[in-house]
C-alpha atoms as a PDB file:
ATOM      1  CA  MET A   1      76.869 241.266 104.163  1.00  0.00           C
ATOM      2  CA  ASN A   2      79.654 242.590 106.423  1.00  0.00           C
ATOM      3  CA  GLU A   3      79.072 239.713 108.852  1.00  0.00           C
ATOM      4  CA  LYS A   4      79.560 237.125 106.094  1.00  0.00           C
ATOM      5  CA  LEU A   5      82.392 238.856 104.259  1.00  0.00           C
ATOM      6  CA  ASP A   6      85.236 237.507 106.411  1.00  0.00           C
ATOM      7  CA  ARG A   7      84.054 233.936 105.819  1.00  0.00           C
ATOM      8  CA  VAL A   8      83.540 234.291 102.071  1.00  0.00           C
ATOM      9  CA  VAL A   9      86.992 233.717 100.591  1.00  0.00           C
ATOM     10  CA  THR A  10      86.483 231.735  97.367  1.00  0.00           C
ATOM     11  CA  GLU A  11      84.685 232.519  94.115  1.00  0.00           C
ATOM     12  CA  GLU A  12      82.141 229.730  94.651  1.00  0.00           C
ATOM     13  CA  ALA A  13      81.388 230.994  98.153  1.00  0.00           C
ATOM     14  CA  THR A  14      80.930 234.498  96.732  1.00  0.00           C
ATOM     15  CA  LYS A  15      78.448 233.185  94.172  1.00  0.00           C
ATOM     16  CA  THR A  16      76.428 231.332  96.813  1.00  0.00           C
ATOM     17  CA  ALA A  17      76.470 234.036  99.495  1.00  0.00           C
ATOM     18  CA  PHE A  18      76.155 237.194  97.428  1.00  0.00           C
ATOM     19  CA  ILE A  19      75.729 236.866  93.659  1.00  0.00           C
ATOM     20  CA  LEU A  20      72.921 234.307  93.368  1.00  0.00           C
ATOM     21  CA  PRO A  21      70.794 236.147  95.997  1.00  0.00           C
ATOM     22  CA  PHE A  22      71.398 239.363  94.036  1.00  0.00           C
ATOM     23  CA  ILE A  23      70.218 237.722  90.803  1.00  0.00           C
ATOM     24  CA  ARG A  24      67.121 236.307  92.494  1.00  0.00           C
ATOM     25  CA  LEU A  25      66.107 238.926  95.059  1.00  0.00           C
ATOM     26  CA  VAL A  26      67.259 242.143  93.393  1.00  0.00           C
ATOM     27  CA  LEU A  27      67.080 241.468  89.653  1.00  0.00           C
ATOM     28  CA  GLY A  28      64.134 239.082  89.995  1.00  0.00           C
ATOM     29  CA  TYR A  29      65.436 236.167  87.909  1.00  0.00           C
ATOM     30  CA  ASP A  30      65.047 232.588  89.170  1.00  0.00           C
ATOM     31  CA  HIS A  31      68.540 231.071  89.228  1.00  0.00           C
ATOM     32  CA  THR A  32      67.019 227.584  89.543  1.00  0.00           C
ATOM     33  CA  ASP A  33      65.188 227.984  86.219  1.00  0.00           C
ATOM     34  CA  PRO A  34      67.459 227.305  83.198  1.00  0.00           C
ATOM     35  CA  ASP A  35      65.099 229.359  81.034  1.00  0.00           C
ATOM     36  CA  GLU A  36      66.067 232.422  83.092  1.00  0.00           C
ATOM     37  CA  VAL A  37      69.617 231.831  84.368  1.00  0.00           C
ATOM     38  CA  VAL A  38      72.247 229.565  82.786  1.00  0.00           C
ATOM     39  CA  PRO A  39      75.391 228.865  84.845  1.00  0.00           C
ATOM     40  CA  GLU A  40      78.726 228.319  83.050  1.00  0.00           C
ATOM     41  CA  TYR A  41      77.238 229.615  79.823  1.00  0.00           C
ATOM     42  CA  THR A  42      79.026 228.683  76.601  1.00  0.00           C
ATOM     43  CA  ALA A  43      78.506 230.511  73.303  1.00  0.00           C
ATOM     44  CA  ASP A  44      77.727 228.420  70.235  1.00  0.00           C
ATOM     45  CA  VAL A  45      80.510 229.828  68.078  1.00  0.00           C
ATOM     46  CA  GLY A  46      83.749 231.772  68.264  1.00  0.00           C
ATOM     47  CA  ILE A  47      84.825 230.719  71.786  1.00  0.00           C
ATOM     48  CA  LYS A  48      87.065 227.870  72.893  1.00  0.00           C
ATOM     49  CA  LYS A  49      85.096 225.041  74.486  1.00  0.00           C
ATOM     50  CA  TRP A  50      86.822 225.348  77.862  1.00  0.00           C
ATOM     51  CA  GLU A  51      85.960 229.036  78.158  1.00  0.00           C
ATOM     52  CA  LYS A  52      82.702 229.771  79.930  1.00  0.00           C
ATOM     53  CA  VAL A  53      81.106 232.812  81.476  1.00  0.00           C
ATOM     54  CA  ASP A  54      79.774 232.287  85.004  1.00  0.00           C
ATOM     55  CA  TYR A  55      76.110 233.192  84.386  1.00  0.00           C
ATOM     56  CA  ALA A  56      73.904 234.236  81.497  1.00  0.00           C
ATOM     57  CA  ILE A  57      70.532 235.810  82.233  1.00  0.00           C
ATOM     58  CA  MET A  58      68.056 234.787  79.557  1.00  0.00           C
ATOM     59  CA  ILE A  59      64.884 236.152  78.015  1.00  0.00           C
ATOM     60  CA  ASP A  60      63.029 234.178  75.336  1.00  0.00           C
ATOM     61  CA  GLY A  61      65.897 231.709  75.040  1.00  0.00           C
ATOM     62  CA  LYS A  62      68.593 234.324  74.383  1.00  0.00           C
ATOM     63  CA  PRO A  63      71.164 235.828  76.730  1.00  0.00           C
ATOM     64  CA  ILE A  64      70.546 239.463  77.656  1.00  0.00           C
ATOM     65  CA  MET A  65      73.197 239.797  80.366  1.00  0.00           C
ATOM     66  CA  LEU A  66      76.484 237.966  80.918  1.00  0.00           C
ATOM     67  CA  ILE A  67      77.951 237.882  84.430  1.00  0.00           C
ATOM     68  CA  GLU A  68      81.601 237.207  85.249  1.00  0.00           C
ATOM     69  CA  CYS A  69      82.268 236.569  88.931  1.00  0.00           C
ATOM     70  CA  LYS A  70      85.324 237.155  91.092  1.00  0.00           C
ATOM     71  CA  PRO A  71      85.986 236.353  94.778  1.00  0.00           C
ATOM     72  CA  ALA A  72      84.536 238.869  97.235  1.00  0.00           C
ATOM     73  CA  HIS A  73      87.911 240.153  98.413  1.00  0.00           C
ATOM     74  CA  ASN A  74      89.288 240.731  94.914  1.00  0.00           C
ATOM     75  CA  ASP A  75      89.851 244.319  93.791  1.00  0.00           C
ATOM     76  CA  LEU A  76      87.888 244.765  90.551  1.00  0.00           C
ATOM     77  CA  ASP A  77      90.270 247.537  89.486  1.00  0.00           C
ATOM     78  CA  LYS A  78      92.960 244.868  89.178  1.00  0.00           C
ATOM     79  CA  GLU A  79      90.740 242.273  87.509  1.00  0.00           C
ATOM     80  CA  HIS A  80      90.455 241.784  83.772  1.00  0.00           C
ATOM     81  CA  ALA A  81      87.041 240.908  82.374  1.00  0.00           C
ATOM     82  CA  SER A  82      88.722 238.929  79.580  1.00  0.00           C
ATOM     83  CA  GLN A  83      86.003 236.318  79.167  1.00  0.00           C
ATOM     84  CA  LEU A  84      83.301 238.990  79.100  1.00  0.00           C
ATOM     85  CA  TYR A  85      85.165 240.824  76.328  1.00  0.00           C
ATOM     86  CA  ARG A  86      85.462 237.685  74.219  1.00  0.00           C
ATOM     87  CA  TYR A  87      81.881 236.562  74.775  1.00  0.00           C
ATOM     88  CA  PHE A  88      80.454 239.994  74.093  1.00  0.00           C
ATOM     89  CA  SER A  89      81.569 239.872  70.451  1.00  0.00           C
ATOM     90  CA  VAL A  90      79.826 236.567  69.677  1.00  0.00           C
ATOM     91  CA  ALA A  91      76.792 236.488  72.015  1.00  0.00           C
ATOM     92  CA  THR A  92      73.539 238.398  71.510  1.00  0.00           C
ATOM     93  CA  ALA A  93      73.755 239.833  75.034  1.00  0.00           C
ATOM     94  CA  LYS A  94      74.117 243.614  75.095  1.00  0.00           C
ATOM     95  CA  PHE A  95      75.221 243.863  78.742  1.00  0.00           C
ATOM     96  CA  GLY A  96      78.145 242.412  80.647  1.00  0.00           C
ATOM     97  CA  ILE A  97      78.487 242.500  84.427  1.00  0.00           C
ATOM     98  CA  LEU A  98      81.781 242.109  86.300  1.00  0.00           C
ATOM     99  CA  THR A  99      81.271 241.545  90.023  1.00  0.00           C
ATOM    100  CA  ASN A 100      82.856 240.382  93.241  1.00  0.00           C
ATOM    101  CA  GLY A 101      79.407 240.140  94.857  1.00  0.00           C
ATOM    102  CA  ILE A 102      79.756 243.550  96.491  1.00  0.00           C
ATOM    103  CA  ILE A 103      80.525 245.811  93.549  1.00  0.00           C
ATOM    104  CA  TYR A 104      78.679 245.300  90.252  1.00  0.00           C
ATOM    105  CA  ARG A 105      80.032 246.948  87.089  1.00  0.00           C
ATOM    106  CA  PHE A 106      77.723 247.084  84.079  1.00  0.00           C
ATOM    107  CA  TYR A 107      79.212 247.263  80.573  1.00  0.00           C
ATOM    108  CA  THR A 108      77.836 247.640  77.049  1.00  0.00           C
ATOM    109  CA  ASP A 109      79.155 248.717  73.623  1.00  0.00           C
ATOM    110  CA  ILE A 110      78.808 252.511  73.610  1.00  0.00           C
ATOM    111  CA  ASP A 111      82.244 253.273  72.141  1.00  0.00           C
ATOM    112  CA  GLU A 112      82.261 250.652  69.371  1.00  0.00           C
ATOM    113  CA  PRO A 113      79.381 248.353  68.276  1.00  0.00           C
ATOM    114  CA  ASN A 114      79.682 244.695  69.339  1.00  0.00           C
ATOM    115  CA  LYS A 115      82.844 245.413  71.330  1.00  0.00           C
ATOM    116  CA  MET A 116      82.512 245.757  75.070  1.00  0.00           C
ATOM    117  CA  ASP A 117      83.663 249.109  76.444  1.00  0.00           C
ATOM    118  CA  GLN A 118      86.744 249.253  78.652  1.00  0.00           C
ATOM    119  CA  LYS A 119      84.850 251.320  81.236  1.00  0.00           C
ATOM    120  CA  PRO A 120      81.456 250.484  82.787  1.00  0.00           C
ATOM    121  CA  PHE A 121      78.491 252.776  82.204  1.00  0.00           C
ATOM    122  CA  PHE A 122      77.049 251.981  85.634  1.00  0.00           C
ATOM    123  CA  GLU A 123      78.590 250.816  88.903  1.00  0.00           C
ATOM    124  CA  LEU A 124      76.708 249.621  91.972  1.00  0.00           C
ATOM    125  CA  ASP A 125      78.384 249.252  95.366  1.00  0.00           C
ATOM    126  CA  LEU A 126      76.093 247.407  97.765  1.00  0.00           C
ATOM    127  CA  ARG A 127      77.921 248.997 100.716  1.00  0.00           C
ATOM    128  CA  ASN A 128      76.864 252.450  99.555  1.00  0.00           C
ATOM    129  CA  VAL A 129      73.612 252.331  97.589  1.00  0.00           C
ATOM    130  CA  LYS A 130      72.203 255.719  96.543  1.00  0.00           C
ATOM    131  CA  ASP A 131      68.684 256.549  95.391  1.00  0.00           C
ATOM    132  CA  SER A 132      69.985 257.149  91.867  1.00  0.00           C
ATOM    133  CA  ASP A 133      71.522 253.639  91.887  1.00  0.00           C
ATOM    134  CA  ILE A 134      68.159 252.079  92.698  1.00  0.00           C
ATOM    135  CA  LYS A 135      66.537 253.983  89.850  1.00  0.00           C
ATOM    136  CA  GLU A 136      69.139 252.789  87.327  1.00  0.00           C
ATOM    137  CA  LEU A 137      69.202 249.221  88.646  1.00  0.00           C
ATOM    138  CA  LYS A 138      65.427 248.905  88.318  1.00  0.00           C
ATOM    139  CA  GLN A 139      65.815 248.990  84.530  1.00  0.00           C
ATOM    140  CA  PHE A 140      67.623 245.626  84.672  1.00  0.00           C
ATOM    141  CA  THR A 141      65.013 243.815  86.734  1.00  0.00           C
ATOM    142  CA  LYS A 142      62.919 241.088  85.147  1.00  0.00           C
ATOM    143  CA  SER A 143      59.614 242.940  85.494  1.00  0.00           C
ATOM    144  CA  THR A 144      60.819 246.192  83.896  1.00  0.00           C
ATOM    145  CA  PHE A 145      63.694 245.170  81.586  1.00  0.00           C
ATOM    146  CA  ASP A 146      63.592 247.303  78.423  1.00  0.00           C
ATOM    147  CA  LEU A 147      66.612 246.852  76.166  1.00  0.00           C
ATOM    148  CA  GLU A 148      66.028 249.910  73.999  1.00  0.00           C
ATOM    149  CA  SER A 149      65.383 252.199  76.947  1.00  0.00           C
ATOM    150  CA  ILE A 150      68.571 251.120  78.750  1.00  0.00           C
ATOM    151  CA  LEU A 151      70.676 251.539  75.619  1.00  0.00           C
ATOM    152  CA  GLU A 152      69.192 255.013  75.098  1.00  0.00           C
ATOM    153  CA  SER A 153      70.253 256.125  78.574  1.00  0.00           C
ATOM    154  CA  ALA A 154      73.516 254.130  78.923  1.00  0.00           C
ATOM    155  CA  SER A 155      75.706 256.615  77.058  1.00  0.00           C
ATOM    156  CA  GLU A 156      74.481 259.600  79.097  1.00  0.00           C
ATOM    157  CA  LEU A 157      74.773 257.600  82.321  1.00  0.00           C
ATOM    158  CA  LYS A 158      78.350 256.517  81.551  1.00  0.00           C
ATOM    159  CA  TYR A 159      79.661 260.008  80.838  1.00  0.00           C
ATOM    160  CA  ARG A 160      77.672 261.582  83.662  1.00  0.00           C
ATOM    161  CA  ASN A 161      79.143 259.118  86.179  1.00  0.00           C
ATOM    162  CA  GLU A 162      82.663 259.693  84.859  1.00  0.00           C
ATOM    163  CA  MET A 163      82.189 263.452  85.194  1.00  0.00           C
ATOM    164  CA  LYS A 164      80.897 263.017  88.758  1.00  0.00           C
ATOM    165  CA  LYS A 165      84.039 261.046  89.615  1.00  0.00           C
ATOM    166  CA  ILE A 166      86.207 263.826  88.210  1.00  0.00           C
ATOM    167  CA  MET A 167      84.251 266.414  90.210  1.00  0.00           C
ATOM    168  CA  ALA A 168      84.625 264.358  93.392  1.00  0.00           C
ATOM    169  CA  GLU A 169      88.373 264.130  92.817  1.00  0.00           C
ATOM    170  CA  GLN A 170      88.608 267.877  92.225  1.00  0.00           C
ATOM    171  CA  PHE A 171      86.593 268.660  95.353  1.00  0.00           C
ATOM    172  CA  LYS A 172      88.888 266.446  97.396  1.00  0.00           C
ATOM    173  CA  GLU A 173      92.178 267.522  95.842  1.00  0.00           C
ATOM    174  CA  PRO A 174      91.938 270.226  93.141  1.00  0.00           C
ATOM    175  CA  SER A 175      94.406 269.809  90.282  1.00  0.00           C
ATOM    176  CA  ASP A 176      96.728 272.633  89.205  1.00  0.00           C
ATOM    177  CA  GLU A 177      94.659 273.125  86.060  1.00  0.00           C
ATOM    178  CA  PHE A 178      91.435 273.322  88.063  1.00  0.00           C
ATOM    179  CA  VAL A 179      92.906 275.832  90.533  1.00  0.00           C
ATOM    180  CA  ARG A 180      94.408 277.905  87.735  1.00  0.00           C
ATOM    181  CA  PHE A 181      91.029 278.137  85.978  1.00  0.00           C
ATOM    182  CA  PHE A 182      89.398 279.826  88.987  1.00  0.00           C
ATOM    183  CA  ALA A 183      92.435 281.841  90.055  1.00  0.00           C
ATOM    184  CA  LYS A 184      92.709 283.527  86.659  1.00  0.00           C
ATOM    185  CA  LYS A 185      89.093 284.716  87.016  1.00  0.00           C
ATOM    186  CA  VAL A 186      89.794 286.618  90.250  1.00  0.00           C
ATOM    187  CA  TYR A 187      93.563 287.206  90.401  1.00  0.00           C
ATOM    188  CA  SER A 188      95.336 289.418  87.878  1.00  0.00           C
ATOM    189  CA  SER A 189      98.924 289.019  89.133  1.00  0.00           C
ATOM    190  CA  PRO A 190     101.227 286.176  88.016  1.00  0.00           C
ATOM    191  CA  LEU A 191     100.351 282.873  89.650  1.00  0.00           C
ATOM    192  CA  THR A 192     103.563 282.192  91.568  1.00  0.00           C
ATOM    193  CA  GLN A 193     104.177 279.023  93.574  1.00  0.00           C
ATOM    194  CA  ASN A 194     103.041 280.738  96.779  1.00  0.00           C
ATOM    195  CA  ALA A 195      99.974 282.179  95.058  1.00  0.00           C
ATOM    196  CA  LYS A 196      99.095 278.757  93.625  1.00  0.00           C
ATOM    197  CA  ALA A 197      99.358 277.151  97.083  1.00  0.00           C
ATOM    198  CA  MET A 198      97.124 279.861  98.508  1.00  0.00           C
ATOM    199  CA  PHE A 199      94.498 279.472  95.771  1.00  0.00           C
ATOM    200  CA  THR A 200      94.524 275.682  96.124  1.00  0.00           C
ATOM    201  CA  GLN A 201      93.285 276.047  99.703  1.00  0.00           C
ATOM    202  CA  ILE A 202      90.865 278.811  98.736  1.00  0.00           C
ATOM    203  CA  THR A 203      89.430 276.676  95.928  1.00  0.00           C
ATOM    204  CA  LYS A 204      88.872 273.705  98.256  1.00  0.00           C
ATOM    205  CA  SER A 205      87.179 275.797 100.938  1.00  0.00           C
ATOM    206  CA  ALA A 206      85.097 277.761  98.388  1.00  0.00           C
ATOM    207  CA  LEU A 207      83.811 274.543  96.791  1.00  0.00           C
ATOM    208  CA  ASN A 208      82.885 272.999 100.144  1.00  0.00           C
ATOM    209  CA  GLN A 209      81.195 276.210 101.290  1.00  0.00           C
ATOM    210  CA  PHE A 210      79.285 276.497  98.000  1.00  0.00           C
ATOM    211  CA  ILE A 211      77.925 272.935  98.318  1.00  0.00           C
ATOM    212  CA  LYS A 212      76.952 273.522 101.944  1.00  0.00           C
ATOM    213  CA  GLU A 213      75.106 276.725 101.041  1.00  0.00           C
ATOM    214  CA  GLN A 214      73.277 274.978  98.206  1.00  0.00           C
ATOM    215  CA  VAL A 215      72.164 272.165 100.510  1.00  0.00           C
ATOM    216  CA  ASP A 216      71.047 274.651 103.184  1.00  0.00           C
ATOM    217  CA  GLU A 217      69.064 276.624 100.614  1.00  0.00           C
ATOM    218  CA  ARG A 218      67.320 273.503  99.328  1.00  0.00           C
ATOM    219  CA  LEU A 219      66.386 272.448 102.839  1.00  0.00           C
ATOM    220  CA  LYS A 220      65.076 275.912 103.578  1.00  0.00           C
ATOM    221  CA  THR A 221      62.993 275.897 100.392  1.00  0.00           C
ATOM    222  CA  ALA A 222      61.634 272.421 101.138  1.00  0.00           C
ATOM    223  CA  LEU A 223      60.531 273.418 104.618  1.00  0.00           C
ATOM    224  CA  GLN A 224      58.784 276.522 103.318  1.00  0.00           C
ATOM    225  CA  SER A 225      57.044 274.878 100.395  1.00  0.00           C
ATOM    226  CA  LYS A 226      53.369 274.120 100.548  1.00  0.00           C
ATOM    227  CA  THR A 227      52.086 270.554 100.711  1.00  0.00           C
ATOM    228  CA  LEU A 228      51.138 269.010  97.400  1.00  0.00           C
ATOM    229  CA  GLU A 229      47.520 269.257  96.326  1.00  0.00           C
ATOM    230  CA  GLU A 230      45.449 266.143  96.735  1.00  0.00           C
ATOM    231  CA  LYS A 231      45.217 263.991  93.660  1.00  0.00           C
ATOM    232  CA  THR A 232      41.961 264.249  91.772  1.00  0.00           C
ATOM    233  CA  SER A 233      39.710 261.235  91.936  1.00  0.00           C
ATOM    234  CA  ASP A 234      40.032 260.514  88.226  1.00  0.00           C
ATOM    235  CA  GLU A 235      43.831 260.712  88.198  1.00  0.00           C
ATOM    236  CA  ILE A 236      45.395 257.964  86.122  1.00  0.00           C
ATOM    237  CA  ASN A 237      47.935 255.647  87.720  1.00  0.00           C
ATOM    238  CA  ILE A 238      51.154 256.651  85.947  1.00  0.00           C
ATOM    239  CA  LYS A 239      54.543 255.167  86.730  1.00  0.00           C
ATOM    240  CA  PRO A 240      56.576 258.380  87.165  1.00  0.00           C
ATOM    241  CA  LYS A 241      60.081 259.100  85.996  1.00  0.00           C
ATOM    242  CA  ALA A 242      61.588 262.387  87.061  1.00  0.00           C
ATOM    243  CA  GLU A 243      62.928 263.530  83.722  1.00  0.00           C
ATOM    244  CA  ASN A 244      59.790 262.579  81.760  1.00  0.00           C
ATOM    245  CA  VAL A 245      56.619 264.642  81.462  1.00  0.00           C
ATOM    246  CA  THR A 246      53.504 262.790  80.364  1.00  0.00           C
ATOM    247  CA  THR A 247      51.602 265.107  78.029  1.00  0.00           C
ATOM    248  CA  GLU A 248      47.863 265.533  77.770  1.00  0.00           C
ATOM    249  CA  ASP A 249      47.940 263.931  74.289  1.00  0.00           C
ATOM    250  CA  GLU A 250      49.647 260.854  75.759  1.00  0.00           C
ATOM    251  CA  LEU A 251      47.087 260.664  78.571  1.00  0.00           C
ATOM    252  CA  GLU A 252      44.226 260.970  76.094  1.00  0.00           C
ATOM    253  CA  GLY A 253      45.788 258.318  73.861  1.00  0.00           C
ATOM    254  CA  TYR A 254      46.144 256.064  76.898  1.00  0.00           C
ATOM    255  CA  ARG A 255      42.440 256.500  77.714  1.00  0.00           C
ATOM    256  CA  ILE A 256      41.500 255.575  74.146  1.00  0.00           C
ATOM    257  CA  ILE A 257      43.687 252.442  74.259  1.00  0.00           C
ATOM    258  CA  ARG A 258      42.169 251.347  77.569  1.00  0.00           C
ATOM    259  CA  SER A 259      38.664 251.821  76.211  1.00  0.00           C
ATOM    260  CA  ILE A 260      39.516 249.709  73.151  1.00  0.00           C
ATOM    261  CA  LEU A 261      40.882 246.875  75.270  1.00  0.00           C
ATOM    262  CA  CYS A 262      38.297 246.963  78.080  1.00  0.00           C
ATOM    263  CA  GLU A 263      36.275 244.136  76.519  1.00  0.00           C
ATOM    264  CA  LEU A 264      39.345 241.867  76.720  1.00  0.00           C
ATOM    265  CA  VAL A 265      41.121 242.875  79.932  1.00  0.00           C
ATOM    266  CA  ASP A 266      40.436 244.802  83.112  1.00  0.00           C
ATOM    267  CA  PRO A 267      41.473 248.434  82.376  1.00  0.00           C
ATOM    268  CA  GLU A 268      43.475 248.447  85.623  1.00  0.00           C
ATOM    269  CA  ARG A 269      45.837 245.909  84.023  1.00  0.00           C
ATOM    270  CA  VAL A 270      46.668 248.339  81.207  1.00  0.00           C
ATOM    271  CA  VAL A 271      49.477 250.592  82.460  1.00  0.00           C
ATOM    272  CA  ILE A 272      51.202 253.633  80.984  1.00  0.00           C
ATOM    273  CA  ARG A 273      54.970 254.064  81.350  1.00  0.00           C
ATOM    274  CA  ASP A 274      56.669 257.195  80.059  1.00  0.00           C
ATOM    275  CA  ARG A 275      60.145 257.184  78.516  1.00  0.00           C
ATOM    276  CA  LYS A 276      62.345 259.884  77.010  1.00  0.00           C
ATOM    277  CA  SER A 277      61.539 259.080  73.393  1.00  0.00           C
ATOM    278  CA  TYR A 278      58.134 257.396  73.674  1.00  0.00           C
ATOM    279  CA  CYS A 279      55.264 256.602  75.988  1.00  0.00           C
ATOM    280  CA  GLY A 280      54.638 252.864  76.350  1.00  0.00           C
ATOM    281  CA  VAL A 281      51.409 251.066  77.173  1.00  0.00           C
ATOM    282  CA  LEU A 282      51.943 247.696  78.856  1.00  0.00           C
ATOM    283  CA  LEU A 283      49.880 244.810  80.119  1.00  0.00           C
ATOM    284  CA  GLU A 284      50.435 244.264  83.859  1.00  0.00           C
ATOM    285  CA  ASP A 285      53.256 246.858  83.794  1.00  0.00           C
ATOM    286  CA  ASN A 286      55.412 244.080  82.304  1.00  0.00           C
ATOM    287  CA  GLN A 287      57.998 245.211  79.757  1.00  0.00           C
ATOM    288  CA  ASN A 288      57.711 241.829  78.034  1.00  0.00           C
ATOM    289  CA  LYS A 289      54.030 242.582  77.356  1.00  0.00           C
ATOM    290  CA  VAL A 290      54.196 245.797  75.342  1.00  0.00           C
ATOM    291  CA  LEU A 291      50.813 246.626  73.829  1.00  0.00           C
ATOM    292  CA  CYS A 292      51.943 249.686  71.890  1.00  0.00           C
ATOM    293  CA  ARG A 293      54.023 252.836  72.027  1.00  0.00           C
ATOM    294  CA  MET A 294      52.902 256.410  71.528  1.00  0.00           C
ATOM    295  CA  ARG A 295      55.595 258.531  69.898  1.00  0.00           C
ATOM    296  CA  PHE A 296      54.090 261.987  70.279  1.00  0.00           C
ATOM    297  CA  ASN A 297      57.202 264.002  71.216  1.00  0.00           C
ATOM    298  CA  SER A 298      57.656 265.529  67.768  1.00  0.00           C
ATOM    299  CA  SER A 299      55.812 268.809  67.203  1.00  0.00           C
ATOM    300  CA  LYS A 300      55.236 267.873  63.547  1.00  0.00           C
ATOM    301  CA  ASN A 301      54.309 264.174  63.459  1.00  0.00           C
ATOM    302  CA  LYS A 302      52.710 261.616  65.736  1.00  0.00           C
ATOM    303  CA  TYR A 303      53.378 257.884  65.438  1.00  0.00           C
ATOM    304  CA  MET A 304      51.928 254.762  66.997  1.00  0.00           C
ATOM    305  CA  GLY A 305      54.190 251.735  67.469  1.00  0.00           C
ATOM    306  CA  PHE A 306      52.564 248.289  67.180  1.00  0.00           C
ATOM    307  CA  PHE A 307      53.851 244.837  68.162  1.00  0.00           C
ATOM    308  CA  ASP A 308      51.130 242.493  66.900  1.00  0.00           C
ATOM    309  CA  SER A 309      53.573 240.753  64.528  1.00  0.00           C
ATOM    310  CA  GLN A 310      55.587 239.612  67.603  1.00  0.00           C
ATOM    311  CA  LYS A 311      58.703 239.528  65.406  1.00  0.00           C
ATOM    312  CA  LYS A 312      62.015 239.865  67.235  1.00  0.00           C
ATOM    313  CA  ARG A 313      65.553 241.009  66.561  1.00  0.00           C
ATOM    314  CA  GLU A 314      68.544 238.776  67.236  1.00  0.00           C
ATOM    315  CA  SER A 315      68.957 240.559  70.568  1.00  0.00           C
ATOM    316  CA  GLY A 316      65.487 239.334  71.589  1.00  0.00           C
ATOM    317  CA  SER A 317      63.750 242.728  71.583  1.00  0.00           C
ATOM    318  CA  LYS A 318      60.423 242.921  69.752  1.00  0.00           C
ATOM    319  CA  ILE A 319      60.293 244.662  66.390  1.00  0.00           C
ATOM    320  CA  GLU A 320      58.090 247.753  66.440  1.00  0.00           C
ATOM    321  CA  GLU A 321      56.076 248.841  63.397  1.00  0.00           C
ATOM    322  CA  LYS A 322      55.561 252.605  63.425  1.00  0.00           C
ATOM    323  CA  VAL A 323      52.426 254.076  61.862  1.00  0.00           C
ATOM    324  CA  ALA A 324      51.822 257.820  61.411  1.00  0.00           C
ATOM    325  CA  ILE A 325      48.540 259.250  62.695  1.00  0.00           C
ATOM    326  CA  ASP A 326      46.989 262.651  62.020  1.00  0.00           C
ATOM    327  CA  ASN A 327      45.043 262.936  65.274  1.00  0.00           C
ATOM    328  CA  LEU A 328      44.336 260.908  68.387  1.00  0.00           C
ATOM    329  CA  THR A 329      41.031 259.514  67.140  1.00  0.00           C
ATOM    330  CA  ASP A 330      43.022 257.656  64.459  1.00  0.00           C
ATOM    331  CA  ILE A 331      44.011 255.223  67.210  1.00  0.00           C
ATOM    332  CA  TYR A 332      40.537 253.689  66.897  1.00  0.00           C
ATOM    333  CA  LYS A 333      41.422 252.658  63.333  1.00  0.00           C
ATOM    334  CA  TYR A 334      44.016 250.283  64.780  1.00  0.00           C
ATOM    335  CA  ALA A 335      41.760 248.738  67.422  1.00  0.00           C
ATOM    336  CA  ASP A 336      42.126 245.254  65.897  1.00  0.00           C
ATOM    337  CA  ARG A 337      45.919 245.437  66.072  1.00  0.00           C
ATOM    338  CA  LEU A 338      45.803 246.419  69.736  1.00  0.00           C
ATOM    339  CA  LYS A 339      43.320 243.646  70.506  1.00  0.00           C
ATOM    340  CA  ASN A 340      45.398 241.057  68.631  1.00  0.00           C
ATOM    341  CA  THR A 341      48.469 241.984  70.663  1.00  0.00           C
ATOM    342  CA  ALA A 342      46.528 241.718  73.931  1.00  0.00           C
ATOM    343  CA  LYS A 343      45.090 238.342  72.875  1.00  0.00           C
ATOM    344  CA  ILE A 344      48.601 236.977  72.322  1.00  0.00           C
ATOM    345  CA  TYR A 345      49.639 237.850  75.872  1.00  0.00           C
ATOM    346  CA  ILE A 346      46.357 236.586  77.351  1.00  0.00           C
ATOM    347  CA  SER A 347      46.727 233.319  75.452  1.00  0.00           C
ATOM    348  CA  ASN A 348      50.268 232.847  76.775  1.00  0.00           C
ATOM    349  CA  GLU A 349      49.018 233.419  80.328  1.00  0.00           C
ATOM    350  CA  GLU A 350      46.466 230.633  79.934  1.00  0.00           C
ATOM    351  CA  LYS A 351      49.022 228.055  78.767  1.00  0.00           C
END
């Protein structure tokens, strides 16, 4: 990227060198297929004919993400995503992306429904990609895209990232308010100008020392910890997510669902994926092939979510029908619904 950057000076060059490869190689959408990526997308209503957004990423004929592009050397802090704002109110897409090919800012409508937020909930800088960025970005890829799951986590992600920025600023240059907060905890005399200057330096050094000690302690603990026990031979292949814990009820439900579907598909193709609010069961680990959802997090009630109707919202996400169950064996009562859903996906594969 750095080698090309000096030669990429126009918006079209940025699209060709950086943005289209990102759409294809990172997000997994084929930019040569108009069913997946539409360049110069125009909404049907509410937008002037000459106004277009650079790219729309499509699922089932509807836009899910709108991308507005800027030249690689443009500062996104000084850019206005005006077209994204206007399109967001009339298109079914729930995500807007403003990018110069190097930095990608993801927006949605957390603050006010159907109105794109002024601030992004997620920002990716390809010059400094962190492990947490990869985890968040994976949600937007073609193979794992899950609208409801992203919307559930977007609000928390937005505010968490904003708080991290504030913390980084305070660590670098503590504000008077920040310094005063700590000084008042340890210093009983009036906070004069000289005292404030002294505590500003103390606060900076204390914060840096605290972080260093925490890192050292974690490294020490990691080196002393025992190696993980070997996985048992009958362990189920679960797609892990750090903040989610797959319960024994969910595992048992998963086994029942696989046994029901084994006459139609190889059980290895039936995959469990845990989320914060539900545990999904997918065909081929493909979010577009949801077989059912187990909503067992409540201590009082358990629900199964079925998708055999294949009905969809305007946004393109499938409509889930929730059914209460008293115990796990009740899943067998809905074997036909699970089989019908699997048959739909199998039939589409054969076309």
